[in-house]
Amino acid sequence: MHDDSHIQSLTLPPEEAIVDIADFFKVFGDPTRLKILFLLEAGERGVSSISEELGMQQSTISQQLKLLRASRLVRFRKDGRSVLYRLDDEHIHDILALGKEHWEELA
């Protein structure tokens, strides 16, 4: 007979980590934010480029980018008067690729 509590303690992260990971995945739950992330997969873009591509107001895109920055999914750099956004790191590329791959398997 196995002691299930021992197995759980080996595989289950601490409660604080669980909450942080849940919050991380919540950010991916918004279609607009997901569209922005997929656009940024191709490289850096400014707010006006993203808003034009998605047919949305720049203020809406800026609000979503602010949340994505706070969640450390995107980063930015200034280029003169322009601000360019990109995915924060390779992990974000991987997460998007896995999500897309999973969706394709279900389709």
PDB file of N, CA and C in Angstrom:
ATOM      1  N   MET A   1       0.847  -1.178   0.000  1.00  0.00           N
ATOM      2  CA  MET A   1       0.000   0.000   0.000  1.00  0.00           C
ATOM      3  C   MET A   1       0.894   1.244   0.000  1.00  0.00           C
ATOM      4  N   HIS A   2       0.553   2.184  -0.879  1.00  0.00           N
ATOM      5  CA  HIS A   2       1.350   3.402  -1.008  1.00  0.00           C
ATOM      6  C   HIS A   2       0.808   4.505  -0.115  1.00  0.00           C
ATOM      7  N   ASP A   3       1.714   5.317   0.357  1.00  0.00           N
ATOM      8  CA  ASP A   3       1.340   6.487   1.148  1.00  0.00           C
ATOM      9  C   ASP A   3       1.198   7.664   0.176  1.00  0.00           C
ATOM     10  N   ASP A   4      -0.047   8.003  -0.211  1.00  0.00           N
ATOM     11  CA  ASP A   4      -0.303   9.044  -1.191  1.00  0.00           C
ATOM     12  C   ASP A   4       0.203  10.414  -0.743  1.00  0.00           C
ATOM     13  N   SER A   5       0.175  10.701   0.536  1.00  0.00           N
ATOM     14  CA  SER A   5       0.642  12.002   1.012  1.00  0.00           C
ATOM     15  C   SER A   5       2.134  12.157   0.754  1.00  0.00           C
ATOM     16  N   HIS A   6       2.894  11.069   0.835  1.00  0.00           N
ATOM     17  CA  HIS A   6       4.326  11.121   0.543  1.00  0.00           C
ATOM     18  C   HIS A   6       4.556  11.413  -0.943  1.00  0.00           C
ATOM     19  N   ILE A   7       3.775  10.789  -1.815  1.00  0.00           N
ATOM     20  CA  ILE A   7       3.901  11.015  -3.251  1.00  0.00           C
ATOM     21  C   ILE A   7       3.553  12.467  -3.579  1.00  0.00           C
ATOM     22  N   GLN A   8       2.475  12.997  -2.993  1.00  0.00           N
ATOM     23  CA  GLN A   8       2.081  14.376  -3.243  1.00  0.00           C
ATOM     24  C   GLN A   8       3.150  15.350  -2.796  1.00  0.00           C
ATOM     25  N   SER A   9       3.773  15.097  -1.672  1.00  0.00           N
ATOM     26  CA  SER A   9       4.788  16.026  -1.184  1.00  0.00           C
ATOM     27  C   SER A   9       5.999  16.054  -2.111  1.00  0.00           C
ATOM     28  N   LEU A  10       6.232  14.981  -2.845  1.00  0.00           N
ATOM     29  CA  LEU A  10       7.355  14.945  -3.780  1.00  0.00           C
ATOM     30  C   LEU A  10       7.052  15.682  -5.081  1.00  0.00           C
ATOM     31  N   THR A  11       5.773  15.728  -5.489  1.00  0.00           N
ATOM     32  CA  THR A  11       5.450  16.294  -6.791  1.00  0.00           C
ATOM     33  C   THR A  11       4.694  17.619  -6.735  1.00  0.00           C
ATOM     34  N   LEU A  12       4.079  17.932  -5.630  1.00  0.00           N
ATOM     35  CA  LEU A  12       3.251  19.129  -5.529  1.00  0.00           C
ATOM     36  C   LEU A  12       4.087  20.312  -5.038  1.00  0.00           C
ATOM     37  N   PRO A  13       4.136  21.384  -5.842  1.00  0.00           N
ATOM     38  CA  PRO A  13       4.879  22.567  -5.390  1.00  0.00           C
ATOM     39  C   PRO A  13       4.213  23.183  -4.161  1.00  0.00           C
ATOM     40  N   PRO A  14       4.935  24.035  -3.449  1.00  0.00           N
ATOM     41  CA  PRO A  14       4.346  24.724  -2.290  1.00  0.00           C
ATOM     42  C   PRO A  14       3.136  25.565  -2.709  1.00  0.00           C
ATOM     43  N   GLU A  15       2.244  25.814  -1.769  1.00  0.00           N
ATOM     44  CA  GLU A  15       1.000  26.556  -2.046  1.00  0.00           C
ATOM     45  C   GLU A  15       1.265  27.904  -2.711  1.00  0.00           C
ATOM     46  N   GLU A  16       2.258  28.632  -2.229  1.00  0.00           N
ATOM     47  CA  GLU A  16       2.578  29.943  -2.810  1.00  0.00           C
ATOM     48  C   GLU A  16       2.939  29.817  -4.291  1.00  0.00           C
ATOM     49  N   ALA A  17       3.692  28.775  -4.630  1.00  0.00           N
ATOM     50  CA  ALA A  17       4.058  28.545  -6.027  1.00  0.00           C
ATOM     51  C   ALA A  17       2.831  28.193  -6.856  1.00  0.00           C
ATOM     52  N   ILE A  18       1.936  27.383  -6.306  1.00  0.00           N
ATOM     53  CA  ILE A  18       0.711  27.003  -7.006  1.00  0.00           C
ATOM     54  C   ILE A  18      -0.104  28.255  -7.350  1.00  0.00           C
ATOM     55  N   VAL A  19      -0.243  29.154  -6.393  1.00  0.00           N
ATOM     56  CA  VAL A  19      -1.006  30.390  -6.612  1.00  0.00           C
ATOM     57  C   VAL A  19      -0.326  31.245  -7.684  1.00  0.00           C
ATOM     58  N   ASP A  20       0.990  31.369  -7.609  1.00  0.00           N
ATOM     59  CA  ASP A  20       1.735  32.158  -8.599  1.00  0.00           C
ATOM     60  C   ASP A  20       1.614  31.551  -9.997  1.00  0.00           C
ATOM     61  N   ILE A  21       1.705  30.241 -10.100  1.00  0.00           N
ATOM     62  CA  ILE A  21       1.592  29.566 -11.396  1.00  0.00           C
ATOM     63  C   ILE A  21       0.176  29.720 -11.953  1.00  0.00           C
ATOM     64  N   ALA A  22      -0.832  29.617 -11.087  1.00  0.00           N
ATOM     65  CA  ALA A  22      -2.222  29.812 -11.526  1.00  0.00           C
ATOM     66  C   ALA A  22      -2.407  31.227 -12.070  1.00  0.00           C
ATOM     67  N   ASP A  23      -1.852  32.219 -11.386  1.00  0.00           N
ATOM     68  CA  ASP A  23      -1.938  33.605 -11.852  1.00  0.00           C
ATOM     69  C   ASP A  23      -1.234  33.761 -13.197  1.00  0.00           C
ATOM     70  N   PHE A  24      -0.096  33.108 -13.352  1.00  0.00           N
ATOM     71  CA  PHE A  24       0.658  33.142 -14.602  1.00  0.00           C
ATOM     72  C   PHE A  24      -0.200  32.619 -15.750  1.00  0.00           C
ATOM     73  N   PHE A  25      -0.857  31.479 -15.552  1.00  0.00           N
ATOM     74  CA  PHE A  25      -1.665  30.890 -16.614  1.00  0.00           C
ATOM     75  C   PHE A  25      -2.952  31.681 -16.872  1.00  0.00           C
ATOM     76  N   LYS A  26      -3.456  32.406 -15.877  1.00  0.00           N
ATOM     77  CA  LYS A  26      -4.646  33.239 -16.090  1.00  0.00           C
ATOM     78  C   LYS A  26      -4.395  34.285 -17.165  1.00  0.00           C
ATOM     79  N   VAL A  27      -3.185  34.796 -17.227  1.00  0.00           N
ATOM     80  CA  VAL A  27      -2.855  35.826 -18.211  1.00  0.00           C
ATOM     81  C   VAL A  27      -3.056  35.289 -19.627  1.00  0.00           C
ATOM     82  N   PHE A  28      -2.811  34.008 -19.834  1.00  0.00           N
ATOM     83  CA  PHE A  28      -2.981  33.392 -21.145  1.00  0.00           C
ATOM     84  C   PHE A  28      -4.457  33.164 -21.478  1.00  0.00           C
ATOM     85  N   GLY A  29      -5.349  33.368 -20.514  1.00  0.00           N
ATOM     86  CA  GLY A  29      -6.769  33.080 -20.694  1.00  0.00           C
ATOM     87  C   GLY A  29      -7.547  34.163 -21.424  1.00  0.00           C
ATOM     88  N   ASP A  30      -6.923  35.262 -21.757  1.00  0.00           N
ATOM     89  CA  ASP A  30      -7.601  36.339 -22.450  1.00  0.00           C
ATOM     90  C   ASP A  30      -7.246  36.313 -23.938  1.00  0.00           C
ATOM     91  N   PRO A  31      -8.238  36.223 -24.842  1.00  0.00           N
ATOM     92  CA  PRO A  31      -7.945  36.129 -26.279  1.00  0.00           C
ATOM     93  C   PRO A  31      -7.125  37.297 -26.821  1.00  0.00           C
ATOM     94  N   THR A  32      -7.383  38.510 -26.361  1.00  0.00           N
ATOM     95  CA  THR A  32      -6.610  39.655 -26.852  1.00  0.00           C
ATOM     96  C   THR A  32      -5.144  39.531 -26.457  1.00  0.00           C
ATOM     97  N   ARG A  33      -4.899  39.174 -25.209  1.00  0.00           N
ATOM     98  CA  ARG A  33      -3.500  39.017 -24.766  1.00  0.00           C
ATOM     99  C   ARG A  33      -2.822  37.891 -25.539  1.00  0.00           C
ATOM    100  N   LEU A  34      -3.552  36.825 -25.809  1.00  0.00           N
ATOM    101  CA  LEU A  34      -2.969  35.713 -26.561  1.00  0.00           C
ATOM    102  C   LEU A  34      -2.623  36.143 -27.982  1.00  0.00           C
ATOM    103  N   LYS A  35      -3.497  36.914 -28.603  1.00  0.00           N
ATOM    104  CA  LYS A  35      -3.212  37.427 -29.955  1.00  0.00           C
ATOM    105  C   LYS A  35      -1.943  38.277 -29.944  1.00  0.00           C
ATOM    106  N   ILE A  36      -1.829  39.135 -28.946  1.00  0.00           N
ATOM    107  CA  ILE A  36      -0.634  39.981 -28.836  1.00  0.00           C
ATOM    108  C   ILE A  36       0.608  39.116 -28.699  1.00  0.00           C
ATOM    109  N   LEU A  37       0.554  38.113 -27.845  1.00  0.00           N
ATOM    110  CA  LEU A  37       1.711  37.230 -27.649  1.00  0.00           C
ATOM    111  C   LEU A  37       2.077  36.516 -28.940  1.00  0.00           C
ATOM    112  N   PHE A  38       1.076  36.018 -29.665  1.00  0.00           N
ATOM    113  CA  PHE A  38       1.374  35.339 -30.932  1.00  0.00           C
ATOM    114  C   PHE A  38       1.970  36.303 -31.951  1.00  0.00           C
ATOM    115  N   LEU A  39       1.505  37.546 -31.980  1.00  0.00           N
ATOM    116  CA  LEU A  39       2.105  38.535 -32.885  1.00  0.00           C
ATOM    117  C   LEU A  39       3.563  38.799 -32.510  1.00  0.00           C
ATOM    118  N   LEU A  40       3.827  38.874 -31.215  1.00  0.00           N
ATOM    119  CA  LEU A  40       5.195  39.166 -30.770  1.00  0.00           C
ATOM    120  C   LEU A  40       6.143  37.986 -30.962  1.00  0.00           C
ATOM    121  N   GLU A  41       5.580  36.812 -31.206  1.00  0.00           N
ATOM    122  CA  GLU A  41       6.429  35.656 -31.509  1.00  0.00           C
ATOM    123  C   GLU A  41       7.294  35.915 -32.741  1.00  0.00           C
ATOM    124  N   ALA A  42       6.750  36.683 -33.674  1.00  0.00           N
ATOM    125  CA  ALA A  42       7.461  36.967 -34.922  1.00  0.00           C
ATOM    126  C   ALA A  42       8.528  38.043 -34.759  1.00  0.00           C
ATOM    127  N   GLY A  43       8.524  38.733 -33.627  1.00  0.00           N
ATOM    128  CA  GLY A  43       9.528  39.764 -33.396  1.00  0.00           C
ATOM    129  C   GLY A  43       8.928  41.005 -32.759  1.00  0.00           C
ATOM    130  N   GLU A  44       9.765  41.997 -32.587  1.00  0.00           N
ATOM    131  CA  GLU A  44       9.372  43.234 -31.917  1.00  0.00           C
ATOM    132  C   GLU A  44       8.295  43.980 -32.704  1.00  0.00           C
ATOM    133  N   ARG A  45       7.420  44.622 -31.943  1.00  0.00           N
ATOM    134  CA  ARG A  45       6.369  45.457 -32.543  1.00  0.00           C
ATOM    135  C   ARG A  45       6.039  46.598 -31.593  1.00  0.00           C
ATOM    136  N   GLY A  46       5.598  47.689 -32.184  1.00  0.00           N
ATOM    137  CA  GLY A  46       5.105  48.811 -31.405  1.00  0.00           C
ATOM    138  C   GLY A  46       3.602  48.703 -31.197  1.00  0.00           C
ATOM    139  N   VAL A  47       3.088  49.526 -30.316  1.00  0.00           N
ATOM    140  CA  VAL A  47       1.657  49.519 -30.003  1.00  0.00           C
ATOM    141  C   VAL A  47       0.829  49.775 -31.258  1.00  0.00           C
ATOM    142  N   SER A  48       1.230  50.750 -32.072  1.00  0.00           N
ATOM    143  CA  SER A  48       0.432  51.087 -33.258  1.00  0.00           C
ATOM    144  C   SER A  48       0.383  49.916 -34.237  1.00  0.00           C
ATOM    145  N   SER A  49       1.484  49.211 -34.391  1.00  0.00           N
ATOM    146  CA  SER A  49       1.515  48.043 -35.276  1.00  0.00           C
ATOM    147  C   SER A  49       0.589  46.936 -34.771  1.00  0.00           C
ATOM    148  N   ILE A  50       0.630  46.705 -33.466  1.00  0.00           N
ATOM    149  CA  ILE A  50      -0.221  45.663 -32.868  1.00  0.00           C
ATOM    150  C   ILE A  50      -1.692  46.056 -32.996  1.00  0.00           C
ATOM    151  N   SER A  51      -2.012  47.314 -32.672  1.00  0.00           N
ATOM    152  CA  SER A  51      -3.408  47.743 -32.720  1.00  0.00           C
ATOM    153  C   SER A  51      -3.946  47.698 -34.153  1.00  0.00           C
ATOM    154  N   GLU A  52      -3.115  48.060 -35.104  1.00  0.00           N
ATOM    155  CA  GLU A  52      -3.520  48.000 -36.511  1.00  0.00           C
ATOM    156  C   GLU A  52      -3.777  46.556 -36.941  1.00  0.00           C
ATOM    157  N   GLU A  53      -2.873  45.680 -36.594  1.00  0.00           N
ATOM    158  CA  GLU A  53      -2.998  44.263 -36.965  1.00  0.00           C
ATOM    159  C   GLU A  53      -4.254  43.629 -36.356  1.00  0.00           C
ATOM    160  N   LEU A  54      -4.572  44.005 -35.117  1.00  0.00           N
ATOM    161  CA  LEU A  54      -5.711  43.405 -34.431  1.00  0.00           C
ATOM    162  C   LEU A  54      -7.004  44.206 -34.605  1.00  0.00           C
ATOM    163  N   GLY A  55      -6.906  45.392 -35.219  1.00  0.00           N
ATOM    164  CA  GLY A  55      -8.089  46.224 -35.409  1.00  0.00           C
ATOM    165  C   GLY A  55      -8.669  46.713 -34.094  1.00  0.00           C
ATOM    166  N   MET A  56      -7.788  47.050 -33.160  1.00  0.00           N
ATOM    167  CA  MET A  56      -8.218  47.504 -31.834  1.00  0.00           C
ATOM    168  C   MET A  56      -7.574  48.849 -31.530  1.00  0.00           C
ATOM    169  N   GLN A  57      -8.150  49.575 -30.583  1.00  0.00           N
ATOM    170  CA  GLN A  57      -7.612  50.870 -30.203  1.00  0.00           C
ATOM    171  C   GLN A  57      -6.268  50.713 -29.488  1.00  0.00           C
ATOM    172  N   GLN A  58      -5.404  51.695 -29.702  1.00  0.00           N
ATOM    173  CA  GLN A  58      -4.087  51.669 -29.072  1.00  0.00           C
ATOM    174  C   GLN A  58      -4.184  51.653 -27.550  1.00  0.00           C
ATOM    175  N   SER A  59      -5.159  52.343 -26.986  1.00  0.00           N
ATOM    176  CA  SER A  59      -5.289  52.365 -25.524  1.00  0.00           C
ATOM    177  C   SER A  59      -5.590  50.963 -24.980  1.00  0.00           C
ATOM    178  N   THR A  60      -6.404  50.210 -25.700  1.00  0.00           N
ATOM    179  CA  THR A  60      -6.711  48.833 -25.297  1.00  0.00           C
ATOM    180  C   THR A  60      -5.460  47.975 -25.348  1.00  0.00           C
ATOM    181  N   ILE A  61      -4.697  48.103 -26.424  1.00  0.00           N
ATOM    182  CA  ILE A  61      -3.456  47.332 -26.575  1.00  0.00           C
ATOM    183  C   ILE A  61      -2.465  47.726 -25.486  1.00  0.00           C
ATOM    184  N   SER A  62      -2.353  49.011 -25.205  1.00  0.00           N
ATOM    185  CA  SER A  62      -1.428  49.487 -24.167  1.00  0.00           C
ATOM    186  C   SER A  62      -1.781  48.904 -22.801  1.00  0.00           C
ATOM    187  N   GLN A  63      -3.074  48.845 -22.492  1.00  0.00           N
ATOM    188  CA  GLN A  63      -3.499  48.265 -21.211  1.00  0.00           C
ATOM    189  C   GLN A  63      -3.109  46.790 -21.130  1.00  0.00           C
ATOM    190  N   GLN A  64      -3.309  46.068 -22.216  1.00  0.00           N
ATOM    191  CA  GLN A  64      -2.967  44.642 -22.223  1.00  0.00           C
ATOM    192  C   GLN A  64      -1.453  44.443 -22.133  1.00  0.00           C
ATOM    193  N   LEU A  65      -0.701  45.277 -22.822  1.00  0.00           N
ATOM    194  CA  LEU A  65       0.764  45.181 -22.760  1.00  0.00           C
ATOM    195  C   LEU A  65       1.273  45.485 -21.353  1.00  0.00           C
ATOM    196  N   LYS A  66       0.629  46.416 -20.674  1.00  0.00           N
ATOM    197  CA  LYS A  66       1.016  46.740 -19.295  1.00  0.00           C
ATOM    198  C   LYS A  66       0.859  45.500 -18.407  1.00  0.00           C
ATOM    199  N   LEU A  67      -0.259  44.803 -18.571  1.00  0.00           N
ATOM    200  CA  LEU A  67      -0.490  43.584 -17.795  1.00  0.00           C
ATOM    201  C   LEU A  67       0.518  42.486 -18.183  1.00  0.00           C
ATOM    202  N   LEU A  68       0.784  42.361 -19.475  1.00  0.00           N
ATOM    203  CA  LEU A  68       1.760  41.357 -19.937  1.00  0.00           C
ATOM    204  C   LEU A  68       3.166  41.667 -19.415  1.00  0.00           C
ATOM    205  N   ARG A  69       3.503  42.943 -19.339  1.00  0.00           N
ATOM    206  CA  ARG A  69       4.803  43.339 -18.765  1.00  0.00           C
ATOM    207  C   ARG A  69       4.852  43.006 -17.288  1.00  0.00           C
ATOM    208  N   ALA A  70       3.780  43.336 -16.570  1.00  0.00           N
ATOM    209  CA  ALA A  70       3.733  43.070 -15.128  1.00  0.00           C
ATOM    210  C   ALA A  70       3.843  41.577 -14.839  1.00  0.00           C
ATOM    211  N   SER A  71       3.343  40.766 -15.758  1.00  0.00           N
ATOM    212  CA  SER A  71       3.411  39.301 -15.606  1.00  0.00           C
ATOM    213  C   SER A  71       4.717  38.728 -16.156  1.00  0.00           C
ATOM    214  N   ARG A  72       5.575  39.602 -16.646  1.00  0.00           N
ATOM    215  CA  ARG A  72       6.886  39.235 -17.197  1.00  0.00           C
ATOM    216  C   ARG A  72       6.781  38.302 -18.401  1.00  0.00           C
ATOM    217  N   LEU A  73       5.730  38.535 -19.212  1.00  0.00           N
ATOM    218  CA  LEU A  73       5.592  37.779 -20.454  1.00  0.00           C
ATOM    219  C   LEU A  73       6.165  38.552 -21.629  1.00  0.00           C
ATOM    220  N   VAL A  74       6.182  39.872 -21.518  1.00  0.00           N
ATOM    221  CA  VAL A  74       6.799  40.704 -22.549  1.00  0.00           C
ATOM    222  C   VAL A  74       7.743  41.698 -21.890  1.00  0.00           C
ATOM    223  N   ARG A  75       8.662  42.176 -22.693  1.00  0.00           N
ATOM    224  CA  ARG A  75       9.567  43.250 -22.263  1.00  0.00           C
ATOM    225  C   ARG A  75       9.557  44.310 -23.350  1.00  0.00           C
ATOM    226  N   PHE A  76      10.106  45.448 -23.048  1.00  0.00           N
ATOM    227  CA  PHE A  76      10.116  46.529 -24.034  1.00  0.00           C
ATOM    228  C   PHE A  76      11.463  47.209 -24.042  1.00  0.00           C
ATOM    229  N   ARG A  77      11.672  47.930 -25.129  1.00  0.00           N
ATOM    230  CA  ARG A  77      12.843  48.796 -25.234  1.00  0.00           C
ATOM    231  C   ARG A  77      12.426  50.041 -25.993  1.00  0.00           C
ATOM    232  N   LYS A  78      13.079  51.120 -25.673  1.00  0.00           N
ATOM    233  CA  LYS A  78      12.793  52.371 -26.364  1.00  0.00           C
ATOM    234  C   LYS A  78      13.746  52.513 -27.535  1.00  0.00           C
ATOM    235  N   ASP A  79      13.171  52.950 -28.645  1.00  0.00           N
ATOM    236  CA  ASP A  79      13.937  53.206 -29.858  1.00  0.00           C
ATOM    237  C   ASP A  79      13.578  54.622 -30.305  1.00  0.00           C
ATOM    238  N   GLY A  80      14.336  55.587 -29.801  1.00  0.00           N
ATOM    239  CA  GLY A  80      13.971  56.983 -30.031  1.00  0.00           C
ATOM    240  C   GLY A  80      12.698  57.285 -29.260  1.00  0.00           C
ATOM    241  N   ARG A  81      11.668  57.716 -29.988  1.00  0.00           N
ATOM    242  CA  ARG A  81      10.387  58.004 -29.342  1.00  0.00           C
ATOM    243  C   ARG A  81       9.458  56.799 -29.359  1.00  0.00           C
ATOM    244  N   SER A  82       9.868  55.746 -30.020  1.00  0.00           N
ATOM    245  CA  SER A  82       9.033  54.540 -30.104  1.00  0.00           C
ATOM    246  C   SER A  82       9.361  53.575 -28.978  1.00  0.00           C
ATOM    247  N   VAL A  83       8.355  52.789 -28.594  1.00  0.00           N
ATOM    248  CA  VAL A  83       8.534  51.716 -27.621  1.00  0.00           C
ATOM    249  C   VAL A  83       8.213  50.418 -28.345  1.00  0.00           C
ATOM    250  N   LEU A  84       9.169  49.508 -28.343  1.00  0.00           N
ATOM    251  CA  LEU A  84       8.996  48.225 -29.022  1.00  0.00           C
ATOM    252  C   LEU A  84       8.886  47.111 -27.996  1.00  0.00           C
ATOM    253  N   TYR A  85       7.936  46.220 -28.236  1.00  0.00           N
ATOM    254  CA  TYR A  85       7.674  45.109 -27.320  1.00  0.00           C
ATOM    255  C   TYR A  85       8.094  43.805 -27.968  1.00  0.00           C
ATOM    256  N   ARG A  86       8.500  42.856 -27.115  1.00  0.00           N
ATOM    257  CA  ARG A  86       8.845  41.510 -27.571  1.00  0.00           C
ATOM    258  C   ARG A  86       8.554  40.535 -26.437  1.00  0.00           C
ATOM    259  N   LEU A  87       8.546  39.253 -26.773  1.00  0.00           N
ATOM    260  CA  LEU A  87       8.352  38.248 -25.729  1.00  0.00           C
ATOM    261  C   LEU A  87       9.521  38.306 -24.765  1.00  0.00           C
ATOM    262  N   ASP A  88       9.250  38.041 -23.508  1.00  0.00           N
ATOM    263  CA  ASP A  88      10.275  38.191 -22.474  1.00  0.00           C
ATOM    264  C   ASP A  88      11.429  37.215 -22.631  1.00  0.00           C
ATOM    265  N   ASP A  89      11.117  35.947 -22.916  1.00  0.00           N
ATOM    266  CA  ASP A  89      12.200  34.975 -23.072  1.00  0.00           C
ATOM    267  C   ASP A  89      11.714  33.746 -23.839  1.00  0.00           C
ATOM    268  N   GLU A  90      12.588  32.812 -24.006  1.00  0.00           N
ATOM    269  CA  GLU A  90      12.301  31.613 -24.799  1.00  0.00           C
ATOM    270  C   GLU A  90      11.199  30.753 -24.167  1.00  0.00           C
ATOM    271  N   HIS A  91      11.042  30.831 -22.855  1.00  0.00           N
ATOM    272  CA  HIS A  91       9.982  30.053 -22.194  1.00  0.00           C
ATOM    273  C   HIS A  91       8.608  30.435 -22.735  1.00  0.00           C
ATOM    274  N   ILE A  92       8.412  31.712 -23.002  1.00  0.00           N
ATOM    275  CA  ILE A  92       7.113  32.172 -23.494  1.00  0.00           C
ATOM    276  C   ILE A  92       6.876  31.618 -24.892  1.00  0.00           C
ATOM    277  N   HIS A  93       7.920  31.618 -25.726  1.00  0.00           N
ATOM    278  CA  HIS A  93       7.815  30.990 -27.057  1.00  0.00           C
ATOM    279  C   HIS A  93       7.396  29.530 -26.903  1.00  0.00           C
ATOM    280  N   ASP A  94       8.037  28.833 -25.981  1.00  0.00           N
ATOM    281  CA  ASP A  94       7.757  27.404 -25.769  1.00  0.00           C
ATOM    282  C   ASP A  94       6.319  27.170 -25.318  1.00  0.00           C
ATOM    283  N   ILE A  95       5.848  27.995 -24.401  1.00  0.00           N
ATOM    284  CA  ILE A  95       4.478  27.843 -23.891  1.00  0.00           C
ATOM    285  C   ILE A  95       3.471  28.058 -25.023  1.00  0.00           C
ATOM    286  N   LEU A  96       3.696  29.097 -25.842  1.00  0.00           N
ATOM    287  CA  LEU A  96       2.799  29.351 -26.968  1.00  0.00           C
ATOM    288  C   LEU A  96       2.831  28.196 -27.968  1.00  0.00           C
ATOM    289  N   ALA A  97       4.025  27.682 -28.245  1.00  0.00           N
ATOM    290  CA  ALA A  97       4.152  26.566 -29.191  1.00  0.00           C
ATOM    291  C   ALA A  97       3.448  25.323 -28.668  1.00  0.00           C
ATOM    292  N   LEU A  98       3.593  25.051 -27.372  1.00  0.00           N
ATOM    293  CA  LEU A  98       2.920  23.879 -26.788  1.00  0.00           C
ATOM    294  C   LEU A  98       1.404  24.043 -26.810  1.00  0.00           C
ATOM    295  N   GLY A  99       0.925  25.242 -26.523  1.00  0.00           N
ATOM    296  CA  GLY A  99      -0.513  25.493 -26.572  1.00  0.00           C
ATOM    297  C   GLY A  99      -1.067  25.299 -27.972  1.00  0.00           C
ATOM    298  N   LYS A 100      -0.352  25.823 -28.951  1.00  0.00           N
ATOM    299  CA  LYS A 100      -0.774  25.680 -30.353  1.00  0.00           C
ATOM    300  C   LYS A 100      -0.729  24.214 -30.783  1.00  0.00           C
ATOM    301  N   GLU A 101       0.321  23.513 -30.392  1.00  0.00           N
ATOM    302  CA  GLU A 101       0.461  22.100 -30.727  1.00  0.00           C
ATOM    303  C   GLU A 101      -0.681  21.291 -30.099  1.00  0.00           C
ATOM    304  N   HIS A 102      -1.005  21.580 -28.856  1.00  0.00           N
ATOM    305  CA  HIS A 102      -2.091  20.871 -28.183  1.00  0.00           C
ATOM    306  C   HIS A 102      -3.418  21.133 -28.886  1.00  0.00           C
ATOM    307  N   TRP A 103      -3.668  22.394 -29.259  1.00  0.00           N
ATOM    308  CA  TRP A 103      -4.895  22.752 -29.967  1.00  0.00           C
ATOM    309  C   TRP A 103      -4.973  21.997 -31.291  1.00  0.00           C
ATOM    310  N   GLU A 104      -3.853  21.930 -32.024  1.00  0.00           N
ATOM    311  CA  GLU A 104      -3.845  21.238 -33.323  1.00  0.00           C
ATOM    312  C   GLU A 104      -4.138  19.758 -33.171  1.00  0.00           C
ATOM    313  N   GLU A 105      -3.674  19.144 -32.082  1.00  0.00           N
ATOM    314  CA  GLU A 105      -3.954  17.736 -31.843  1.00  0.00           C
ATOM    315  C   GLU A 105      -5.424  17.504 -31.545  1.00  0.00           C
ATOM    316  N   LEU A 106      -6.074  18.480 -30.915  1.00  0.00           N
ATOM    317  CA  LEU A 106      -7.490  18.352 -30.570  1.00  0.00           C
ATOM    318  C   LEU A 106      -8.412  18.654 -31.752  1.00  0.00           C
ATOM    319  N   ALA A 107      -7.899  19.435 -32.705  1.00  0.00           N
ATOM    320  CA  ALA A 107      -8.732  19.856 -33.847  1.00  0.00           C
ATOM    321  C   ALA A 107      -8.991  18.723 -34.822  1.00  0.00           C
TER     322      ALA A 107
END
